[in-house]
Every structure is written in C-alpha cells, then in structure tokens.
C-alpha atoms as a PDB file:
ATOM      1  CA  MET A   1      82.991  85.996 -20.945  1.00  0.00           C
ATOM      2  CA  ILE A   2      86.342  84.448 -20.042  1.00  0.00           C
ATOM      3  CA  GLN A   3      87.512  81.061 -21.359  1.00  0.00           C
ATOM      4  CA  LYS A   4      90.601  79.629 -19.701  1.00  0.00           C
ATOM      5  CA  PHE A   5      93.142  77.315 -21.321  1.00  0.00           C
ATOM      6  CA  GLU A   6      91.944  73.729 -21.779  1.00  0.00           C
ATOM      7  CA  PHE A   7      93.998  70.809 -23.120  1.00  0.00           C
ATOM      8  CA  HIS A   8      92.484  67.611 -24.527  1.00  0.00           C
ATOM      9  CA  GLU A   9      94.544  64.573 -25.483  1.00  0.00           C
ATOM     10  CA  THR A  10      93.571  62.825 -28.717  1.00  0.00           C
ATOM     11  CA  GLU A  11      93.923  59.265 -29.927  1.00  0.00           C
ATOM     12  CA  ILE A  12      97.306  60.184 -31.463  1.00  0.00           C
ATOM     13  CA  ALA A  13      99.945  60.564 -28.741  1.00  0.00           C
ATOM     14  CA  GLY A  14     101.168  64.133 -28.435  1.00  0.00           C
ATOM     15  CA  LEU A  15      98.415  65.571 -30.649  1.00  0.00           C
ATOM     16  CA  ILE A  16      96.535  67.894 -28.323  1.00  0.00           C
ATOM     17  CA  GLU A  17      93.422  69.988 -28.885  1.00  0.00           C
ATOM     18  CA  VAL A  18      93.851  73.339 -27.160  1.00  0.00           C
ATOM     19  CA  THR A  19      91.257  75.887 -26.165  1.00  0.00           C
ATOM     20  CA  PRO A  20      93.255  79.066 -25.532  1.00  0.00           C
ATOM     21  CA  PHE A  21      92.575  81.806 -23.022  1.00  0.00           C
ATOM     22  CA  ASN A  22      89.956  84.135 -24.465  1.00  0.00           C
ATOM     23  CA  ALA A  23      88.167  87.126 -22.937  1.00  0.00           C
ATOM     24  CA  ASP A  24      85.224  88.717 -24.773  1.00  0.00           C
ATOM     25  CA  ASP A  25      83.742  92.117 -23.970  1.00  0.00           C
ATOM     26  CA  ILE A  26      82.003  94.960 -25.800  1.00  0.00           C
ATOM     27  CA  ARG A  27      85.257  95.859 -27.631  1.00  0.00           C
ATOM     28  CA  GLY A  28      85.770  92.380 -29.093  1.00  0.00           C
ATOM     29  CA  CYS A  29      88.123  89.843 -27.595  1.00  0.00           C
ATOM     30  CA  PHE A  30      91.595  89.236 -26.208  1.00  0.00           C
ATOM     31  CA  THR A  31      93.124  85.828 -27.007  1.00  0.00           C
ATOM     32  CA  LYS A  32      96.298  84.291 -25.593  1.00  0.00           C
ATOM     33  CA  ASP A  33      96.981  81.135 -27.600  1.00  0.00           C
ATOM     34  CA  TYR A  34     100.358  80.236 -26.103  1.00  0.00           C
ATOM     35  CA  SER A  35     101.921  80.536 -22.668  1.00  0.00           C
ATOM     36  CA  LYS A  36     105.065  78.541 -21.960  1.00  0.00           C
ATOM     37  CA  GLU A  37     104.236  78.608 -18.246  1.00  0.00           C
ATOM     38  CA  VAL A  38     100.635  77.373 -18.692  1.00  0.00           C
ATOM     39  CA  PHE A  39     101.628  74.698 -21.210  1.00  0.00           C
ATOM     40  CA  GLU A  40     104.403  73.382 -18.934  1.00  0.00           C
ATOM     41  CA  ALA A  41     102.065  73.412 -15.915  1.00  0.00           C
ATOM     42  CA  ASN A  42      99.889  71.040 -17.971  1.00  0.00           C
ATOM     43  CA  GLY A  43     102.810  68.758 -18.854  1.00  0.00           C
ATOM     44  CA  ILE A  44     103.286  70.122 -22.376  1.00  0.00           C
ATOM     45  CA  HIS A  45     106.761  71.167 -23.493  1.00  0.00           C
ATOM     46  CA  HIS A  46     106.643  73.430 -26.577  1.00  0.00           C
ATOM     47  CA  ASP A  47     109.414  75.975 -27.065  1.00  0.00           C
ATOM     48  CA  LEU A  48     108.956  78.444 -29.889  1.00  0.00           C
ATOM     49  CA  ALA A  49     111.611  78.607 -32.592  1.00  0.00           C
ATOM     50  CA  GLU A  50     109.621  80.657 -35.114  1.00  0.00           C
ATOM     51  CA  VAL A  51     106.099  81.821 -35.947  1.00  0.00           C
ATOM     52  CA  PHE A  52     104.598  82.195 -39.404  1.00  0.00           C
ATOM     53  CA  TYR A  53     101.216  82.688 -41.078  1.00  0.00           C
ATOM     54  CA  THR A  54      99.548  81.530 -44.265  1.00  0.00           C
ATOM     55  CA  THR A  55      96.767  83.346 -46.069  1.00  0.00           C
ATOM     56  CA  SER A  56      94.670  81.053 -48.261  1.00  0.00           C
ATOM     57  CA  HIS A  57      91.598  81.205 -50.470  1.00  0.00           C
ATOM     58  CA  LYS A  58      88.591  78.920 -50.104  1.00  0.00           C
ATOM     59  CA  GLY A  59      89.327  75.587 -51.779  1.00  0.00           C
ATOM     60  CA  VAL A  60      93.080  75.586 -51.155  1.00  0.00           C
ATOM     61  CA  ILE A  61      94.582  72.353 -49.849  1.00  0.00           C
ATOM     62  CA  ARG A  62      97.951  72.620 -48.138  1.00  0.00           C
ATOM     63  CA  ALA A  63      98.931  69.035 -47.420  1.00  0.00           C
ATOM     64  CA  LEU A  64     100.338  66.723 -46.181  1.00  0.00           C
ATOM     65  CA  HIS A  65     103.602  68.344 -45.079  1.00  0.00           C
ATOM     66  CA  PHE A  66     106.491  67.446 -42.769  1.00  0.00           C
ATOM     67  CA  GLN A  67     110.247  67.945 -42.435  1.00  0.00           C
ATOM     68  CA  ARG A  68     112.390  64.857 -43.075  1.00  0.00           C
ATOM     69  CA  VAL A  69     115.017  66.080 -40.621  1.00  0.00           C
ATOM     70  CA  LYS A  70     114.614  68.448 -37.664  1.00  0.00           C
ATOM     71  CA  GLN A  71     110.897  67.772 -37.555  1.00  0.00           C
ATOM     72  CA  GLN A  72     108.653  70.652 -36.554  1.00  0.00           C
ATOM     73  CA  PRO A  73     106.216  70.316 -33.690  1.00  0.00           C
ATOM     74  CA  LYS A  74     103.717  73.108 -34.253  1.00  0.00           C
ATOM     75  CA  LEU A  75     100.829  74.856 -32.559  1.00  0.00           C
ATOM     76  CA  VAL A  76      98.329  75.564 -35.358  1.00  0.00           C
ATOM     77  CA  ARG A  77      95.387  77.988 -35.145  1.00  0.00           C
ATOM     78  CA  CYS A  78      93.099  79.479 -37.750  1.00  0.00           C
ATOM     79  CA  ILE A  79      93.041  83.099 -36.616  1.00  0.00           C
ATOM     80  CA  TRP A  80      90.557  84.196 -39.272  1.00  0.00           C
ATOM     81  CA  GLY A  81      88.240  82.043 -41.374  1.00  0.00           C
ATOM     82  CA  HIS A  82      87.753  78.258 -41.215  1.00  0.00           C
ATOM     83  CA  VAL A  83      89.980  75.313 -42.153  1.00  0.00           C
ATOM     84  CA  TRP A  84      89.488  71.551 -41.925  1.00  0.00           C
ATOM     85  CA  ASP A  85      92.818  70.528 -40.452  1.00  0.00           C
ATOM     86  CA  VAL A  86      94.370  67.042 -40.781  1.00  0.00           C
ATOM     87  CA  VAL A  87      97.198  65.350 -38.888  1.00  0.00           C
ATOM     88  CA  VAL A  88      98.678  61.976 -39.948  1.00  0.00           C
ATOM     89  CA  ASP A  89     100.855  59.960 -37.560  1.00  0.00           C
ATOM     90  CA  LEU A  90     104.029  58.900 -39.425  1.00  0.00           C
ATOM     91  CA  ARG A  91     105.903  57.546 -36.383  1.00  0.00           C
ATOM     92  CA  LYS A  92     106.577  53.890 -37.233  1.00  0.00           C
ATOM     93  CA  ASP A  93     106.630  52.781 -33.572  1.00  0.00           C
ATOM     94  CA  SER A  94     103.369  54.535 -32.722  1.00  0.00           C
ATOM     95  CA  PRO A  95     100.222  52.451 -32.151  1.00  0.00           C
ATOM     96  CA  THR A  96      98.402  54.993 -34.348  1.00  0.00           C
ATOM     97  CA  PHE A  97     100.933  54.869 -37.225  1.00  0.00           C
ATOM     98  CA  GLN A  98      99.259  55.919 -40.526  1.00  0.00           C
ATOM     99  CA  LYS A  99      96.111  57.081 -38.689  1.00  0.00           C
ATOM    100  CA  TRP A 100      94.729  60.517 -39.441  1.00  0.00           C
ATOM    101  CA  LEU A 101      92.531  62.828 -37.379  1.00  0.00           C
ATOM    102  CA  ALA A 102      90.747  65.987 -38.533  1.00  0.00           C
ATOM    103  CA  PHE A 103      89.737  69.140 -36.690  1.00  0.00           C
ATOM    104  CA  ASP A 104      87.603  72.138 -37.600  1.00  0.00           C
ATOM    105  CA  LEU A 105      89.773  75.139 -36.783  1.00  0.00           C
ATOM    106  CA  ILE A 106      87.617  78.250 -36.787  1.00  0.00           C
ATOM    107  CA  GLY A 107      88.800  81.818 -36.288  1.00  0.00           C
ATOM    108  CA  ASP A 108      85.818  82.886 -34.169  1.00  0.00           C
ATOM    109  CA  LYS A 109      86.173  79.768 -32.002  1.00  0.00           C
ATOM    110  CA  HIS A 110      89.898  80.438 -31.309  1.00  0.00           C
ATOM    111  CA  ASN A 111      90.635  76.687 -31.093  1.00  0.00           C
ATOM    112  CA  GLU A 112      94.018  75.215 -31.997  1.00  0.00           C
ATOM    113  CA  ILE A 113      95.971  71.967 -32.127  1.00  0.00           C
ATOM    114  CA  LEU A 114      99.466  71.041 -31.042  1.00  0.00           C
ATOM    115  CA  VAL A 115     100.930  68.789 -33.755  1.00  0.00           C
ATOM    116  CA  PRO A 116     103.812  66.609 -32.522  1.00  0.00           C
ATOM    117  CA  ALA A 117     107.038  65.956 -34.415  1.00  0.00           C
ATOM    118  CA  GLY A 118     106.765  62.883 -36.627  1.00  0.00           C
ATOM    119  CA  CYS A 119     103.338  63.757 -37.989  1.00  0.00           C
ATOM    120  CA  ALA A 120     102.298  65.117 -41.383  1.00  0.00           C
ATOM    121  CA  HIS A 121      99.993  68.132 -41.365  1.00  0.00           C
ATOM    122  CA  GLY A 122      97.690  69.845 -43.816  1.00  0.00           C
ATOM    123  CA  TYR A 123      94.304  71.451 -44.264  1.00  0.00           C
ATOM    124  CA  LEU A 124      91.451  72.254 -46.617  1.00  0.00           C
ATOM    125  CA  VAL A 125      90.397  75.914 -46.560  1.00  0.00           C
ATOM    126  CA  LEU A 126      86.601  76.111 -46.126  1.00  0.00           C
ATOM    127  CA  GLU A 127      86.540  79.948 -46.044  1.00  0.00           C
ATOM    128  CA  ASP A 128      89.252  82.451 -46.948  1.00  0.00           C
ATOM    129  CA  SER A 129      91.569  82.067 -43.956  1.00  0.00           C
ATOM    130  CA  ILE A 130      94.702  83.087 -42.115  1.00  0.00           C
ATOM    131  CA  VAL A 131      96.460  80.302 -40.213  1.00  0.00           C
ATOM    132  CA  SER A 132      99.132  80.760 -37.553  1.00  0.00           C
ATOM    133  CA  TYR A 133     101.948  78.257 -36.942  1.00  0.00           C
ATOM    134  CA  LYS A 134     103.973  78.508 -33.740  1.00  0.00           C
ATOM    135  CA  CYS A 135     106.809  76.073 -34.452  1.00  0.00           C
ATOM    136  CA  GLY A 136     109.113  74.316 -32.016  1.00  0.00           C
ATOM    137  CA  GLU A 137     111.767  73.955 -34.746  1.00  0.00           C
ATOM    138  CA  LYS A 138     112.633  76.361 -37.539  1.00  0.00           C
ATOM    139  CA  PHE A 139     111.730  75.685 -41.158  1.00  0.00           C
ATOM    140  CA  TYR A 140     114.461  74.140 -43.314  1.00  0.00           C
ATOM    141  CA  GLY A 141     113.619  74.238 -47.021  1.00  0.00           C
ATOM    142  CA  GLU A 142     116.127  71.482 -47.807  1.00  0.00           C
ATOM    143  CA  TYR A 143     114.205  69.069 -45.522  1.00  0.00           C
ATOM    144  CA  ASP A 144     110.705  70.134 -46.583  1.00  0.00           C
ATOM    145  CA  ASP A 145     108.638  67.169 -47.789  1.00  0.00           C
ATOM    146  CA  GLY A 146     105.178  65.679 -47.823  1.00  0.00           C
ATOM    147  CA  ILE A 147     102.721  63.057 -49.005  1.00  0.00           C
ATOM    148  CA  LEU A 148      99.995  63.604 -51.597  1.00  0.00           C
ATOM    149  CA  TRP A 149      96.819  64.968 -50.022  1.00  0.00           C
ATOM    150  CA  ASN A 150      94.643  62.306 -51.683  1.00  0.00           C
ATOM    151  CA  ASP A 151      96.899  59.282 -51.211  1.00  0.00           C
ATOM    152  CA  PRO A 152      94.623  56.192 -51.015  1.00  0.00           C
ATOM    153  CA  ASP A 153      96.867  54.412 -48.482  1.00  0.00           C
ATOM    154  CA  ILE A 154      96.180  57.186 -45.982  1.00  0.00           C
ATOM    155  CA  GLY A 155      92.612  57.767 -47.175  1.00  0.00           C
ATOM    156  CA  VAL A 156      91.798  61.179 -45.724  1.00  0.00           C
ATOM    157  CA  ALA A 157      88.069  61.802 -46.248  1.00  0.00           C
ATOM    158  CA  TRP A 158      88.383  65.465 -47.265  1.00  0.00           C
ATOM    159  CA  PRO A 159      84.993  67.278 -47.169  1.00  0.00           C
ATOM    160  CA  LEU A 160      85.389  68.570 -50.732  1.00  0.00           C
ATOM    161  CA  GLU A 161      81.632  69.151 -51.065  1.00  0.00           C
ATOM    162  CA  GLN A 162      82.090  72.111 -48.683  1.00  0.00           C
ATOM    163  CA  VAL A 163      84.211  73.899 -51.311  1.00  0.00           C
ATOM    164  CA  GLY A 164      82.099  72.935 -54.350  1.00  0.00           C
ATOM    165  CA  GLY A 165      83.670  69.548 -55.164  1.00  0.00           C
ATOM    166  CA  PRO A 166      87.084  68.280 -56.301  1.00  0.00           C
ATOM    167  CA  GLU A 167      87.113  70.555 -59.363  1.00  0.00           C
ATOM    168  CA  LYS A 168      87.245  73.583 -57.012  1.00  0.00           C
ATOM    169  CA  VAL A 169      90.386  72.411 -55.149  1.00  0.00           C
ATOM    170  CA  ILE A 170      93.381  74.747 -55.487  1.00  0.00           C
ATOM    171  CA  LEU A 171      96.793  73.076 -55.242  1.00  0.00           C
ATOM    172  CA  ALA A 172     100.256  74.584 -55.540  1.00  0.00           C
ATOM    173  CA  ASP A 173     102.666  72.815 -57.897  1.00  0.00           C
ATOM    174  CA  LYS A 174     104.550  71.672 -54.797  1.00  0.00           C
ATOM    175  CA  ASP A 175     101.499  69.868 -53.427  1.00  0.00           C
ATOM    176  CA  GLN A 176     100.594  68.310 -56.789  1.00  0.00           C
ATOM    177  CA  ASN A 177     104.030  66.689 -56.958  1.00  0.00           C
ATOM    178  CA  LEU A 178     104.440  65.229 -53.478  1.00  0.00           C
ATOM    179  CA  GLN A 179     105.265  61.545 -52.982  1.00  0.00           C
ATOM    180  CA  THR A 180     102.813  58.752 -52.221  1.00  0.00           C
ATOM    181  CA  PHE A 181     102.693  57.058 -48.836  1.00  0.00           C
ATOM    182  CA  ALA A 182     104.291  53.951 -50.434  1.00  0.00           C
ATOM    183  CA  GLN A 183     107.195  56.109 -51.711  1.00  0.00           C
ATOM    184  CA  PHE A 184     107.560  57.653 -48.253  1.00  0.00           C
ATOM    185  CA  MET A 185     107.751  54.166 -46.723  1.00  0.00           C
ATOM    186  CA  ASP A 186     110.303  53.030 -49.336  1.00  0.00           C
ATOM    187  CA  SER A 187     112.463  56.088 -48.643  1.00  0.00           C
ATOM    188  CA  TYR A 188     112.090  56.539 -44.890  1.00  0.00           C
ATOM    189  CA  GLY A 189     110.095  53.639 -43.429  1.00  0.00           C
ATOM    190  CA  GLY A 190     108.388  56.132 -41.112  1.00  0.00           C
ATOM    191  CA  PHE A 191     109.984  58.377 -38.484  1.00  0.00           C
END
C-alpha cells in the first residue's frame, strides 16, 4: 500500500500535521518523511540545518523547550514507539498565543508535525521511543530554554495515567528547573 504526502493545517498558524510518503510491502516499508520539493510545492518552506534523534524510556517528559534566539522550526517524528507530543504557541502577536495542541506520534503510523519557530515543544513518552528532529536552524546551547512541563498558566493536560501516574514521570534535572510561563513573560514577553 502506498500513502502519499498529506499536509493538514492546525489551529496554530504554521503548525502542520504531515503524513509522509510511505510504501508497505512484504519486506516492511519505505518512508520518506521530508522532501524539500514536495514541501515547497505545498507552500511549506523548511530548509534543514541539522537532524538529531532522542531515545527515551516510557514515562520521560521532555518539555517544554525552545531557543530564545535563532529559534528552531522542526519537523518531528516518532520513528519507533509512541509519544504524546505538545506544541505551545509563544508568539505574542499570534491569535493562538499561549494555546497548546497535542498529537499522538506513533512509529508504526509514520506521522509527524512541523513545529514553527516561536513555539515551545515537548512530549510524554508512552512507550520506549526514538524521536527524529529535522531542524531548520541549528541547536545553540547558549540559547536553549524552556517552560516547566506542568506550568498551570499553560495547563497542558498530560495523559499521565498512560504511564502509571505522576509518580512514574522521569524528568532530567534540566526539565525540573525550567522557568514558569510568568517568568518567561517577565523576561521575554513572548516572541
């Protein structure tokens, strides 16, 4: 079975759900999750600056990250496993400022999202997973930042019951010590 590229706009401008090209046969499958030519033919400009992967255990939360300067638009796909992916609009002039949307990214489904610059991104790992990031800007450690995953002013409704409850959440020191949304607003006032 062959699935061609499909692009679906979301409520947040520039945040696009992507179904990549996928061909299944008796050997398995062939997936093409990015084509500059196909993206541009659909009005989407996303040049690749770098690609990286994360490997995470069930219960890990990586969130809610962004770069203060040289923001990173990114094409995100769970290539193996299952993550509950969240994007928060931090663009102060956007009609969806402070709004979040979530997506089930599933390795066997091959689905992905294009996260625009000016948005925070993170996910809850529902199964051991590998996630691919195809970034339109390189990573700069000195600009790396984020907002606490459970900040009440953003109010992401994480499905923690799917990992055994809040006591099963695994957070890196970095993610335990991120700023609140109020601190972000005091420092930056949005992007």
